[in-house]
Amino acid sequence: QYLYEADGMHMFMDTATYEQIGIATAQIEDELKFLKDGMEADVMTYEGEVIGVQLQAKVHLEVVDTEPGIRGDTQSGGSKPATLETGAVITVPLFVNKGDLLEVNTEEGTYSSRV
């Protein structure tokens, strides 16, 4: 479970043992785009060394900034950028608005659906 960031280290907790593991920002830069406090993630290790983090394939994140939706436009194929609560910017359909909760594919960094 992701806990917090401090001094360039991101702290995770093993929910079974309550052991805390620190991972440097550089090791998980791509994953941080879709990671928020309290989110579950798998810490990957190789020969006792932490090598990264694997997120769930799809996560729910809120849109904190985007251009206003166009009335009557429902999945017509147009798109626009949207900033998520984690700071990531993804491309979304025109009908998505600020405050919408989206399902995001973490492997591709793309919009899946509105929740």
Protein backbone atom coordinates (compact mmCIF):
# COMPACT_ATOMS: atom_id res chain seq x y z
CA GLN A 1 0.00 0.00 0.00
CA TYR A 2 1.38 3.42 -0.98
CA LEU A 3 1.79 5.69 2.03
CA TYR A 4 3.64 8.92 1.22
CA GLU A 5 6.67 10.64 -0.34
CA ALA A 6 9.51 12.16 1.68
CA ASP A 7 12.88 13.43 0.48
CA GLY A 8 12.71 11.65 -2.88
CA MET A 9 11.68 8.34 -1.37
CA HIS A 10 8.21 6.84 -1.77
CA MET A 11 7.10 4.73 1.15
CA PHE A 12 5.05 1.57 0.76
CA MET A 13 3.73 -0.75 3.48
CA ASP A 14 3.32 -4.51 3.37
CA THR A 15 -0.27 -4.85 4.60
CA ALA A 16 0.44 -8.32 6.02
CA THR A 17 3.56 -7.51 8.06
CA TYR A 18 3.30 -3.67 8.30
CA GLU A 19 6.92 -3.50 7.12
CA GLN A 20 7.70 -0.25 5.29
CA ILE A 21 9.72 -0.16 2.08
CA GLY A 22 11.24 2.98 0.56
CA ILE A 23 11.66 3.30 -3.20
CA ALA A 24 13.51 6.16 -4.92
CA THR A 25 11.50 8.38 -7.27
CA ALA A 26 13.79 7.51 -10.20
CA GLN A 27 12.85 3.82 -9.93
CA ILE A 28 9.09 4.40 -10.27
CA GLU A 29 8.67 7.64 -12.24
CA ASP A 30 6.20 6.18 -14.75
CA GLU A 31 4.09 4.50 -12.07
CA LEU A 32 3.87 7.70 -9.99
CA LYS A 33 1.68 9.24 -12.71
CA PHE A 34 -1.16 6.96 -11.60
CA LEU A 35 -0.37 6.35 -7.91
CA LYS A 36 -2.15 8.09 -5.03
CA ASP A 37 -2.04 7.73 -1.24
CA GLY A 38 -3.59 4.51 0.05
CA MET A 39 -3.52 2.77 -3.34
CA GLU A 40 -2.55 -0.90 -3.47
CA ALA A 41 0.53 -1.83 -5.52
CA ASP A 42 2.91 -4.78 -5.81
CA VAL A 43 6.53 -4.02 -4.92
CA MET A 44 8.74 -6.07 -7.24
CA THR A 45 12.07 -7.42 -6.05
CA TYR A 46 14.92 -9.40 -7.60
CA GLU A 47 17.46 -11.17 -5.38
CA GLY A 48 16.33 -9.10 -2.41
CA GLU A 49 16.60 -5.73 -4.19
CA VAL A 50 13.56 -3.60 -5.01
CA ILE A 51 13.36 -3.12 -8.78
CA GLY A 52 10.00 -1.39 -9.15
CA VAL A 53 6.29 -1.27 -8.51
CA GLN A 54 3.43 -2.83 -10.44
CA LEU A 55 0.09 -1.05 -10.26
CA GLN A 56 -3.33 -2.53 -10.84
CA ALA A 57 -4.10 -2.67 -14.58
CA LYS A 58 -6.86 -0.08 -14.17
CA VAL A 59 -7.29 2.59 -11.49
CA HIS A 60 -9.93 5.25 -10.80
CA LEU A 61 -8.70 8.84 -10.81
CA GLU A 62 -10.49 12.19 -10.76
CA VAL A 63 -10.11 14.85 -13.46
CA VAL A 64 -8.86 18.07 -11.82
CA ASP A 65 -8.49 20.16 -14.97
CA THR A 66 -9.72 20.02 -18.55
CA GLU A 67 -11.58 22.19 -21.01
CA PRO A 68 -15.36 22.22 -20.45
CA GLY A 69 -17.27 19.39 -22.09
CA ILE A 70 -19.24 20.10 -25.22
CA ARG A 71 -22.98 19.73 -24.71
CA GLY A 72 -24.50 16.91 -26.73
CA ASP A 73 -21.11 15.45 -27.64
CA THR A 74 -21.15 11.78 -26.70
CA GLN A 75 -18.21 9.73 -27.84
CA SER A 76 -18.03 11.36 -31.27
CA GLY A 77 -14.35 10.63 -31.59
CA GLY A 78 -12.89 14.02 -30.62
CA SER A 79 -10.42 14.28 -27.77
CA LYS A 80 -8.72 16.75 -25.44
CA PRO A 81 -6.10 16.67 -22.66
CA ALA A 82 -7.15 16.22 -19.03
CA THR A 83 -5.06 16.54 -15.86
CA LEU A 84 -5.73 13.85 -13.25
CA GLU A 85 -5.50 14.17 -9.46
CA THR A 86 -2.01 12.62 -9.55
CA GLY A 87 -0.75 15.25 -12.01
CA ALA A 88 -0.75 12.93 -15.02
CA VAL A 89 -2.12 14.34 -18.28
CA ILE A 90 -4.00 11.92 -20.53
CA THR A 91 -6.13 12.26 -23.64
CA VAL A 92 -9.88 11.94 -22.99
CA PRO A 93 -13.09 12.22 -25.06
CA LEU A 94 -14.66 15.68 -25.42
CA PHE A 95 -17.56 14.86 -23.07
CA VAL A 96 -15.29 14.39 -20.01
CA ASN A 97 -15.49 17.25 -17.48
CA LYS A 98 -13.56 18.49 -14.46
CA GLY A 99 -14.61 16.43 -11.44
CA ASP A 100 -15.37 13.27 -13.45
CA LEU A 101 -14.01 9.99 -12.09
CA LEU A 102 -12.23 8.02 -14.81
CA GLU A 103 -10.97 4.49 -15.16
CA VAL A 104 -7.40 4.72 -16.46
CA ASN A 105 -5.31 1.93 -17.99
CA THR A 106 -2.01 2.17 -16.08
CA GLU A 107 -0.08 -0.05 -18.48
CA GLU A 108 -0.75 2.21 -21.47
CA GLY A 109 -1.48 5.47 -19.62
CA THR A 110 -4.79 5.86 -21.43
CA TYR A 111 -8.45 6.62 -20.73
CA SER A 112 -10.65 3.52 -20.43
CA SER A 113 -14.05 4.84 -19.34
CA ARG A 114 -15.92 7.28 -17.15
CA VAL A 115 -17.00 5.74 -13.82
